[in-house]
Amino acid sequence: MVQGSGIGPVLFLVYIDDLAKLLERNGFTVKLFVPFVVDVKVYLEVVENADVTRLQGALNLVAIWASLNICE
């Protein structure tokens, strides 16, 4: 038996598209997965300490976006 709607994943991608664009504008690679479990992956190659700081910056952007866009 099929659960959920066929358009639900598409609507979700529309909803979080601004998060992906925000991260990409800041130089991060972003992948979004919706079919079964909602998953956002942000990654970059860590070669030096500055890369760790950049990755933390990406996590901070995700946290700020979530606090502004996700209702409790």
PDB file of N, CA and C in Angstrom:
ATOM      1  N   MET A   1       0.833  -1.168   0.000  1.00  0.00           N
ATOM      2  CA  MET A   1       0.000   0.000   0.000  1.00  0.00           C
ATOM      3  C   MET A   1       0.888   1.245   0.000  1.00  0.00           C
ATOM      4  N   VAL A   2       0.594   2.212  -0.856  1.00  0.00           N
ATOM      5  CA  VAL A   2       1.358   3.450  -0.972  1.00  0.00           C
ATOM      6  C   VAL A   2       0.917   4.416   0.123  1.00  0.00           C
ATOM      7  N   GLN A   3       1.898   5.027   0.765  1.00  0.00           N
ATOM      8  CA  GLN A   3       1.592   6.021   1.788  1.00  0.00           C
ATOM      9  C   GLN A   3       2.071   7.385   1.325  1.00  0.00           C
ATOM     10  N   GLY A   4       1.448   8.434   1.826  1.00  0.00           N
ATOM     11  CA  GLY A   4       1.845   9.781   1.471  1.00  0.00           C
ATOM     12  C   GLY A   4       1.296  10.189   0.121  1.00  0.00           C
ATOM     13  N   SER A   5       1.750  11.335  -0.332  1.00  0.00           N
ATOM     14  CA  SER A   5       1.266  11.832  -1.615  1.00  0.00           C
ATOM     15  C   SER A   5       2.399  11.841  -2.629  1.00  0.00           C
ATOM     16  N   GLY A   6       2.038  11.861  -3.865  1.00  0.00           N
ATOM     17  CA  GLY A   6       3.034  11.924  -4.930  1.00  0.00           C
ATOM     18  C   GLY A   6       3.678  13.295  -5.031  1.00  0.00           C
ATOM     19  N   ILE A   7       2.939  14.321  -4.656  1.00  0.00           N
ATOM     20  CA  ILE A   7       3.453  15.685  -4.776  1.00  0.00           C
ATOM     21  C   ILE A   7       4.159  16.149  -3.501  1.00  0.00           C
ATOM     22  N   GLY A   8       4.014  15.413  -2.403  1.00  0.00           N
ATOM     23  CA  GLY A   8       4.627  15.803  -1.134  1.00  0.00           C
ATOM     24  C   GLY A   8       6.124  16.051  -1.222  1.00  0.00           C
ATOM     25  N   PRO A   9       6.899  15.116  -1.801  1.00  0.00           N
ATOM     26  CA  PRO A   9       8.340  15.354  -1.921  1.00  0.00           C
ATOM     27  C   PRO A   9       8.683  16.580  -2.761  1.00  0.00           C
ATOM     28  N   VAL A  10       7.930  16.828  -3.806  1.00  0.00           N
ATOM     29  CA  VAL A  10       8.174  17.998  -4.653  1.00  0.00           C
ATOM     30  C   VAL A  10       7.916  19.275  -3.860  1.00  0.00           C
ATOM     31  N   LEU A  11       6.823  19.311  -3.115  1.00  0.00           N
ATOM     32  CA  LEU A  11       6.520  20.491  -2.307  1.00  0.00           C
ATOM     33  C   LEU A  11       7.593  20.718  -1.245  1.00  0.00           C
ATOM     34  N   PHE A  12       8.094  19.647  -0.670  1.00  0.00           N
ATOM     35  CA  PHE A  12       9.152  19.792   0.322  1.00  0.00           C
ATOM     36  C   PHE A  12      10.400  20.389  -0.304  1.00  0.00           C
ATOM     37  N   LEU A  13      10.775  19.925  -1.500  1.00  0.00           N
ATOM     38  CA  LEU A  13      11.953  20.474  -2.170  1.00  0.00           C
ATOM     39  C   LEU A  13      11.776  21.965  -2.462  1.00  0.00           C
ATOM     40  N   VAL A  14      10.574  22.356  -2.839  1.00  0.00           N
ATOM     41  CA  VAL A  14      10.290  23.778  -3.063  1.00  0.00           C
ATOM     42  C   VAL A  14      10.468  24.548  -1.758  1.00  0.00           C
ATOM     43  N   TYR A  15      10.015  23.958  -0.656  1.00  0.00           N
ATOM     44  CA  TYR A  15      10.090  24.591   0.652  1.00  0.00           C
ATOM     45  C   TYR A  15      11.532  24.822   1.101  1.00  0.00           C
ATOM     46  N   ILE A  16      12.421  23.860   0.856  1.00  0.00           N
ATOM     47  CA  ILE A  16      13.791  24.008   1.343  1.00  0.00           C
ATOM     48  C   ILE A  16      14.772  24.460   0.260  1.00  0.00           C
ATOM     49  N   ASP A  17      14.272  24.825  -0.903  1.00  0.00           N
ATOM     50  CA  ASP A  17      15.136  25.264  -1.991  1.00  0.00           C
ATOM     51  C   ASP A  17      15.987  26.454  -1.575  1.00  0.00           C
ATOM     52  N   ASP A  18      15.429  27.371  -0.796  1.00  0.00           N
ATOM     53  CA  ASP A  18      16.205  28.540  -0.385  1.00  0.00           C
ATOM     54  C   ASP A  18      17.379  28.160   0.514  1.00  0.00           C
ATOM     55  N   LEU A  19      17.246  27.097   1.291  1.00  0.00           N
ATOM     56  CA  LEU A  19      18.369  26.620   2.105  1.00  0.00           C
ATOM     57  C   LEU A  19      19.495  26.134   1.205  1.00  0.00           C
ATOM     58  N   ALA A  20      19.164  25.350   0.206  1.00  0.00           N
ATOM     59  CA  ALA A  20      20.182  24.847  -0.722  1.00  0.00           C
ATOM     60  C   ALA A  20      20.877  26.000  -1.440  1.00  0.00           C
ATOM     61  N   LYS A  21      20.116  26.970  -1.897  1.00  0.00           N
ATOM     62  CA  LYS A  21      20.701  28.118  -2.603  1.00  0.00           C
ATOM     63  C   LYS A  21      21.590  28.942  -1.676  1.00  0.00           C
ATOM     64  N   LEU A  22      21.166  29.124  -0.424  1.00  0.00           N
ATOM     65  CA  LEU A  22      21.962  29.863   0.557  1.00  0.00           C
ATOM     66  C   LEU A  22      23.321  29.198   0.754  1.00  0.00           C
ATOM     67  N   LEU A  23      23.312  27.889   0.935  1.00  0.00           N
ATOM     68  CA  LEU A  23      24.565  27.164   1.145  1.00  0.00           C
ATOM     69  C   LEU A  23      25.437  27.174  -0.111  1.00  0.00           C
ATOM     70  N   GLU A  24      24.832  26.994  -1.271  1.00  0.00           N
ATOM     71  CA  GLU A  24      25.601  26.994  -2.515  1.00  0.00           C
ATOM     72  C   GLU A  24      26.226  28.359  -2.783  1.00  0.00           C
ATOM     73  N   ARG A  25      25.506  29.445  -2.456  1.00  0.00           N
ATOM     74  CA  ARG A  25      26.066  30.795  -2.609  1.00  0.00           C
ATOM     75  C   ARG A  25      27.294  30.989  -1.728  1.00  0.00           C
ATOM     76  N   ASN A  26      27.374  30.241  -0.646  1.00  0.00           N
ATOM     77  CA  ASN A  26      28.502  30.338   0.269  1.00  0.00           C
ATOM     78  C   ASN A  26      29.573  29.286  -0.018  1.00  0.00           C
ATOM     79  N   GLY A  27      29.475  28.630  -1.183  1.00  0.00           N
ATOM     80  CA  GLY A  27      30.524  27.736  -1.649  1.00  0.00           C
ATOM     81  C   GLY A  27      30.445  26.297  -1.169  1.00  0.00           C
ATOM     82  N   PHE A  28      29.280  25.858  -0.713  1.00  0.00           N
ATOM     83  CA  PHE A  28      29.147  24.495  -0.218  1.00  0.00           C
ATOM     84  C   PHE A  28      28.402  23.625  -1.213  1.00  0.00           C
ATOM     85  N   THR A  29      28.770  22.364  -1.249  1.00  0.00           N
ATOM     86  CA  THR A  29      28.063  21.385  -2.052  1.00  0.00           C
ATOM     87  C   THR A  29      26.895  20.871  -1.229  1.00  0.00           C
ATOM     88  N   VAL A  30      25.710  20.842  -1.833  1.00  0.00           N
ATOM     89  CA  VAL A  30      24.500  20.445  -1.115  1.00  0.00           C
ATOM     90  C   VAL A  30      23.785  19.362  -1.895  1.00  0.00           C
ATOM     91  N   LYS A  31      23.317  18.348  -1.195  1.00  0.00           N
ATOM     92  CA  LYS A  31      22.496  17.302  -1.805  1.00  0.00           C
ATOM     93  C   LYS A  31      21.246  17.138  -0.958  1.00  0.00           C
ATOM     94  N   LEU A  32      20.110  17.049  -1.623  1.00  0.00           N
ATOM     95  CA  LEU A  32      18.825  16.886  -0.948  1.00  0.00           C
ATOM     96  C   LEU A  32      18.217  15.549  -1.357  1.00  0.00           C
ATOM     97  N   PHE A  33      17.746  14.800  -0.391  1.00  0.00           N
ATOM     98  CA  PHE A  33      17.115  13.509  -0.636  1.00  0.00           C
ATOM     99  C   PHE A  33      15.754  13.510   0.041  1.00  0.00           C
ATOM    100  N   VAL A  34      14.708  13.150  -0.687  1.00  0.00           N
ATOM    101  CA  VAL A  34      13.373  13.201  -0.105  1.00  0.00           C
ATOM    102  C   VAL A  34      12.593  11.903  -0.183  1.00  0.00           C
ATOM    103  N   PRO A  35      12.786  11.023  -1.142  1.00  0.00           N
ATOM    104  CA  PRO A  35      11.818   9.945  -1.358  1.00  0.00           C
ATOM    105  C   PRO A  35      11.328   9.208  -0.116  1.00  0.00           C
ATOM    106  N   PHE A  36      12.218   8.823   0.788  1.00  0.00           N
ATOM    107  CA  PHE A  36      11.772   8.051   1.952  1.00  0.00           C
ATOM    108  C   PHE A  36      12.058   8.782   3.252  1.00  0.00           C
ATOM    109  N   VAL A  37      13.231   9.339   3.358  1.00  0.00           N
ATOM    110  CA  VAL A  37      13.618  10.077   4.558  1.00  0.00           C
ATOM    111  C   VAL A  37      14.162  11.423   4.098  1.00  0.00           C
ATOM    112  N   VAL A  38      13.717  12.479   4.730  1.00  0.00           N
ATOM    113  CA  VAL A  38      14.209  13.807   4.375  1.00  0.00           C
ATOM    114  C   VAL A  38      15.644  13.914   4.867  1.00  0.00           C
ATOM    115  N   ASP A  39      16.530  14.277   3.974  1.00  0.00           N
ATOM    116  CA  ASP A  39      17.944  14.306   4.311  1.00  0.00           C
ATOM    117  C   ASP A  39      18.613  15.438   3.549  1.00  0.00           C
ATOM    118  N   VAL A  40      19.354  16.259   4.251  1.00  0.00           N
ATOM    119  CA  VAL A  40      20.142  17.313   3.632  1.00  0.00           C
ATOM    120  C   VAL A  40      21.593  17.034   4.000  1.00  0.00           C
ATOM    121  N   LYS A  41      22.442  16.956   2.991  1.00  0.00           N
ATOM    122  CA  LYS A  41      23.865  16.715   3.236  1.00  0.00           C
ATOM    123  C   LYS A  41      24.657  17.910   2.749  1.00  0.00           C
ATOM    124  N   VAL A  42      25.519  18.403   3.613  1.00  0.00           N
ATOM    125  CA  VAL A  42      26.410  19.507   3.284  1.00  0.00           C
ATOM    126  C   VAL A  42      27.818  18.993   3.522  1.00  0.00           C
ATOM    127  N   TYR A  43      28.669  19.160   2.538  1.00  0.00           N
ATOM    128  CA  TYR A  43      30.017  18.645   2.732  1.00  0.00           C
ATOM    129  C   TYR A  43      31.026  19.437   1.938  1.00  0.00           C
ATOM    130  N   LEU A  44      32.281  19.343   2.403  1.00  0.00           N
ATOM    131  CA  LEU A  44      33.414  19.887   1.693  1.00  0.00           C
ATOM    132  C   LEU A  44      34.652  19.128   2.152  1.00  0.00           C
ATOM    133  N   GLU A  45      35.676  19.170   1.363  1.00  0.00           N
ATOM    134  CA  GLU A  45      36.911  18.479   1.720  1.00  0.00           C
ATOM    135  C   GLU A  45      37.657  19.286   2.775  1.00  0.00           C
ATOM    136  N   VAL A  46      38.003  18.638   3.871  1.00  0.00           N
ATOM    137  CA  VAL A  46      38.731  19.304   4.943  1.00  0.00           C
ATOM    138  C   VAL A  46      40.211  18.972   4.773  1.00  0.00           C
ATOM    139  N   VAL A  47      40.983  20.004   4.420  1.00  0.00           N
ATOM    140  CA  VAL A  47      42.402  19.844   4.186  1.00  0.00           C
ATOM    141  C   VAL A  47      43.211  20.589   5.253  1.00  0.00           C
ATOM    142  N   GLU A  48      42.658  21.715   5.696  1.00  0.00           N
ATOM    143  CA  GLU A  48      43.355  22.522   6.694  1.00  0.00           C
ATOM    144  C   GLU A  48      42.353  23.029   7.723  1.00  0.00           C
ATOM    145  N   ASN A  49      42.850  23.634   8.788  1.00  0.00           N
ATOM    146  CA  ASN A  49      41.979  24.102   9.865  1.00  0.00           C
ATOM    147  C   ASN A  49      40.929  25.096   9.395  1.00  0.00           C
ATOM    148  N   ALA A  50      41.250  25.900   8.406  1.00  0.00           N
ATOM    149  CA  ALA A  50      40.286  26.881   7.885  1.00  0.00           C
ATOM    150  C   ALA A  50      39.050  26.177   7.314  1.00  0.00           C
ATOM    151  N   ASP A  51      39.224  24.973   6.773  1.00  0.00           N
ATOM    152  CA  ASP A  51      38.097  24.220   6.222  1.00  0.00           C
ATOM    153  C   ASP A  51      37.131  23.798   7.322  1.00  0.00           C
ATOM    154  N   VAL A  52      37.660  23.495   8.489  1.00  0.00           N
ATOM    155  CA  VAL A  52      36.804  23.142   9.626  1.00  0.00           C
ATOM    156  C   VAL A  52      35.937  24.338  10.002  1.00  0.00           C
ATOM    157  N   THR A  53      36.526  25.515   9.993  1.00  0.00           N
ATOM    158  CA  THR A  53      35.785  26.740  10.293  1.00  0.00           C
ATOM    159  C   THR A  53      34.700  26.980   9.246  1.00  0.00           C
ATOM    160  N   ARG A  54      35.014  26.748   7.974  1.00  0.00           N
ATOM    161  CA  ARG A  54      34.023  26.907   6.902  1.00  0.00           C
ATOM    162  C   ARG A  54      32.863  25.929   7.078  1.00  0.00           C
ATOM    163  N   LEU A  55      33.185  24.683   7.430  1.00  0.00           N
ATOM    164  CA  LEU A  55      32.141  23.685   7.625  1.00  0.00           C
ATOM    165  C   LEU A  55      31.255  24.065   8.805  1.00  0.00           C
ATOM    166  N   GLN A  56      31.838  24.567   9.871  1.00  0.00           N
ATOM    167  CA  GLN A  56      31.040  25.031  11.006  1.00  0.00           C
ATOM    168  C   GLN A  56      30.142  26.188  10.579  1.00  0.00           C
ATOM    169  N   GLY A  57      30.647  27.037   9.697  1.00  0.00           N
ATOM    170  CA  GLY A  57      29.831  28.133   9.171  1.00  0.00           C
ATOM    171  C   GLY A  57      28.610  27.605   8.430  1.00  0.00           C
ATOM    172  N   ALA A  58      28.791  26.523   7.676  1.00  0.00           N
ATOM    173  CA  ALA A  58      27.656  25.914   6.968  1.00  0.00           C
ATOM    174  C   ALA A  58      26.639  25.380   7.958  1.00  0.00           C
ATOM    175  N   LEU A  59      27.119  24.726   9.009  1.00  0.00           N
ATOM    176  CA  LEU A  59      26.201  24.206  10.027  1.00  0.00           C
ATOM    177  C   LEU A  59      25.455  25.348  10.716  1.00  0.00           C
ATOM    178  N   ASN A  60      26.145  26.455  10.927  1.00  0.00           N
ATOM    179  CA  ASN A  60      25.489  27.624  11.519  1.00  0.00           C
ATOM    180  C   ASN A  60      24.395  28.158  10.599  1.00  0.00           C
ATOM    181  N   LEU A  61      24.660  28.197   9.287  1.00  0.00           N
ATOM    182  CA  LEU A  61      23.645  28.654   8.331  1.00  0.00           C
ATOM    183  C   LEU A  61      22.416  27.744   8.363  1.00  0.00           C
ATOM    184  N   VAL A  62      22.639  26.432   8.441  1.00  0.00           N
ATOM    185  CA  VAL A  62      21.520  25.488   8.509  1.00  0.00           C
ATOM    186  C   VAL A  62      20.720  25.720   9.785  1.00  0.00           C
ATOM    187  N   ALA A  63      21.400  25.933  10.901  1.00  0.00           N
ATOM    188  CA  ALA A  63      20.710  26.165  12.177  1.00  0.00           C
ATOM    189  C   ALA A  63      19.892  27.443  12.139  1.00  0.00           C
ATOM    190  N   ILE A  64      20.453  28.495  11.566  1.00  0.00           N
ATOM    191  CA  ILE A  64      19.712  29.768  11.470  1.00  0.00           C
ATOM    192  C   ILE A  64      18.503  29.595  10.564  1.00  0.00           C
ATOM    193  N   TRP A  65      18.696  28.940   9.404  1.00  0.00           N
ATOM    194  CA  TRP A  65      17.571  28.720   8.492  1.00  0.00           C
ATOM    195  C   TRP A  65      16.464  27.934   9.183  1.00  0.00           C
ATOM    196  N   ALA A  66      16.856  26.883   9.910  1.00  0.00           N
ATOM    197  CA  ALA A  66      15.865  26.041  10.589  1.00  0.00           C
ATOM    198  C   ALA A  66      15.106  26.846  11.646  1.00  0.00           C
ATOM    199  N   SER A  67      15.803  27.696  12.380  1.00  0.00           N
ATOM    200  CA  SER A  67      15.119  28.456  13.427  1.00  0.00           C
ATOM    201  C   SER A  67      14.143  29.466  12.823  1.00  0.00           C
ATOM    202  N   LEU A  68      14.400  29.919  11.620  1.00  0.00           N
ATOM    203  CA  LEU A  68      13.515  30.887  10.971  1.00  0.00           C
ATOM    204  C   LEU A  68      12.371  30.233  10.190  1.00  0.00           C
ATOM    205  N   ASN A  69      12.552  28.973   9.772  1.00  0.00           N
ATOM    206  CA  ASN A  69      11.593  28.355   8.857  1.00  0.00           C
ATOM    207  C   ASN A  69      10.838  27.141   9.379  1.00  0.00           C
ATOM    208  N   ILE A  70      11.228  26.612  10.496  1.00  0.00           N
ATOM    209  CA  ILE A  70      10.575  25.409  10.996  1.00  0.00           C
ATOM    210  C   ILE A  70       9.795  25.747  12.251  1.00  0.00           C
ATOM    211  N   CYS A  71       8.505  25.488  12.211  1.00  0.00           N
ATOM    212  CA  CYS A  71       7.643  25.756  13.357  1.00  0.00           C
ATOM    213  C   CYS A  71       7.796  24.628  14.361  1.00  0.00           C
ATOM    214  N   GLU A  72       7.698  24.965  15.620  1.00  0.00           N
ATOM    215  CA  GLU A  72       7.765  23.930  16.658  1.00  0.00           C
ATOM    216  C   GLU A  72       6.411  23.353  16.913  1.00  0.00           C
TER     217      GLU A  72
END
